[in-house]
């Protein structure tokens, strides 16, 4: 019986490690997307304030752009990034819940072994 519990607990510990890695990777992805979103928000702010010509970079080349179309493009990019962050946050919550449940199961198994 003791070996069964130990083997099962070992599997749960491995699963917990996988979930913790997923949480770390998700946090890095979310941070990267948040930085990109902040850049888009700053660009939108600057484009809305300027009365001069606006430019955008395409493939390493700066070209003149229509302010209205650039604003639409940036607004759409902002929307997509916000949706991406929401999806990452939802995934993070699900993974945190699974991690919490596994930790509780592991703790119970360890307590049962030590009795």
Protein backbone atom coordinates (compact mmCIF):
# COMPACT_ATOMS: atom_id res chain seq x y z
CA UNK A 1 0.00 0.00 0.00
CA UNK A 2 2.80 2.40 0.92
CA UNK A 3 4.50 1.98 -2.49
CA UNK A 4 1.19 2.66 -4.29
CA UNK A 5 0.73 5.91 -2.41
CA UNK A 6 4.35 6.88 -3.02
CA UNK A 7 4.13 6.15 -6.77
CA UNK A 8 0.84 8.02 -7.05
CA UNK A 9 2.22 10.93 -5.04
CA UNK A 10 5.32 10.97 -7.24
CA UNK A 11 3.14 11.30 -10.34
CA UNK A 12 1.22 14.14 -8.73
CA UNK A 13 4.46 15.90 -7.84
CA UNK A 14 5.63 15.64 -11.46
CA UNK A 15 2.28 16.95 -12.65
CA UNK A 16 2.55 19.82 -10.17
CA UNK A 17 6.00 20.71 -11.54
CA UNK A 18 4.57 20.81 -15.07
CA UNK A 19 1.77 23.14 -13.97
CA UNK A 20 4.25 25.40 -12.18
CA UNK A 21 6.34 25.61 -15.36
CA UNK A 22 3.21 26.47 -17.33
CA UNK A 23 2.47 29.25 -14.84
CA UNK A 24 5.97 30.67 -15.30
CA UNK A 25 5.75 30.50 -19.10
CA UNK A 26 2.30 32.07 -19.03
CA UNK A 27 3.54 34.91 -16.84
CA UNK A 28 6.37 35.61 -19.28
CA UNK A 29 3.99 35.56 -22.26
CA UNK A 30 1.58 37.87 -20.45
CA UNK A 31 4.40 40.27 -19.60
CA UNK A 32 5.57 40.33 -23.23
CA UNK A 33 2.05 41.00 -24.53
CA UNK A 34 1.53 43.70 -21.86
CA UNK A 35 4.70 45.49 -22.98
CA UNK A 36 3.52 45.37 -26.59
CA UNK A 37 0.08 46.66 -25.53
CA UNK A 38 1.67 49.56 -23.66
CA UNK A 39 3.67 50.46 -26.78
CA UNK A 40 0.51 50.44 -28.90
CA UNK A 41 -1.34 52.59 -26.34
CA UNK A 42 1.56 55.08 -26.30
CA UNK A 43 1.62 55.14 -30.11
CA UNK A 44 -2.13 55.77 -30.24
CA UNK A 45 -1.74 58.63 -27.77
CA UNK A 46 1.03 60.23 -29.80
CA UNK A 47 -0.79 59.80 -33.12
CA UNK A 48 -3.92 61.42 -31.67
CA UNK A 49 -1.92 64.41 -30.38
CA UNK A 50 0.01 65.20 -33.55
CA UNK A 51 -1.04 67.55 -36.30
CA UNK A 52 2.03 66.64 -38.37
CA UNK A 53 2.55 63.74 -40.73
CA UNK A 54 2.69 60.30 -39.16
CA UNK A 55 4.97 57.44 -40.06
CA UNK A 56 5.08 53.72 -39.42
CA UNK A 57 7.83 51.19 -39.73
CA UNK A 58 7.36 48.37 -42.22
CA UNK A 59 10.13 45.81 -42.49
CA UNK A 60 12.72 48.18 -41.09
CA UNK A 61 11.70 51.06 -43.37
CA UNK A 62 9.86 54.12 -42.11
CA UNK A 63 7.06 55.19 -44.44
CA UNK A 64 4.52 57.98 -44.28
CA UNK A 65 1.08 56.76 -43.19
CA UNK A 66 -2.43 58.12 -43.23
CA UNK A 67 -3.27 59.17 -39.67
CA UNK A 68 -6.79 57.75 -39.79
CA UNK A 69 -5.77 54.36 -41.16
CA UNK A 70 -2.83 54.16 -38.75
CA UNK A 71 -5.18 54.92 -35.85
CA UNK A 72 -7.55 52.17 -37.01
CA UNK A 73 -4.65 49.74 -37.36
CA UNK A 74 -3.30 50.54 -33.89
CA UNK A 75 -6.78 50.34 -32.35
CA UNK A 76 -7.31 46.89 -33.85
CA UNK A 77 -3.90 45.75 -32.64
CA UNK A 78 -4.76 47.05 -29.17
CA UNK A 79 -8.03 45.10 -29.18
CA UNK A 80 -6.26 41.89 -30.23
CA UNK A 81 -3.60 42.30 -27.53
CA UNK A 82 -6.25 42.93 -24.86
CA UNK A 83 -8.05 39.73 -25.91
CA UNK A 84 -4.75 37.85 -25.77
CA UNK A 85 -4.09 39.10 -22.23
CA UNK A 86 -7.59 38.05 -21.16
CA UNK A 87 -7.00 34.56 -22.58
CA UNK A 88 -3.66 34.30 -20.81
CA UNK A 89 -5.24 35.42 -17.53
CA UNK A 90 -8.01 32.84 -17.89
CA UNK A 91 -5.45 30.10 -18.57
CA UNK A 92 -3.41 31.29 -15.59
CA UNK A 93 -6.44 31.06 -13.31
CA UNK A 94 -7.25 27.53 -14.49
CA UNK A 95 -3.66 26.40 -14.01
CA UNK A 96 -3.49 28.02 -10.56
CA UNK A 97 -6.64 26.15 -9.55
CA UNK A 98 -5.20 22.83 -10.75
CA UNK A 99 -1.93 23.58 -8.96
CA UNK A 100 -3.72 24.37 -5.71
CA UNK A 101 -5.76 21.16 -5.90
CA UNK A 102 -2.66 19.06 -6.59
CA UNK A 103 -0.77 20.65 -3.70
CA UNK A 104 -3.63 19.78 -1.37
CA UNK A 105 -3.71 16.18 -2.64
CA UNK A 106 0.05 15.84 -2.23
CA UNK A 107 -0.06 17.26 1.29
CA UNK A 108 -2.80 14.81 2.27
CA UNK A 109 -0.86 11.89 0.78
CA UNK A 110 2.33 12.90 2.61
CA UNK A 111 0.44 13.21 5.90
CA UNK A 112 -1.10 9.75 5.34
CA UNK A 113 2.33 8.24 4.65
CA UNK A 114 3.81 9.79 7.79
CA UNK A 115 1.11 8.35 10.05
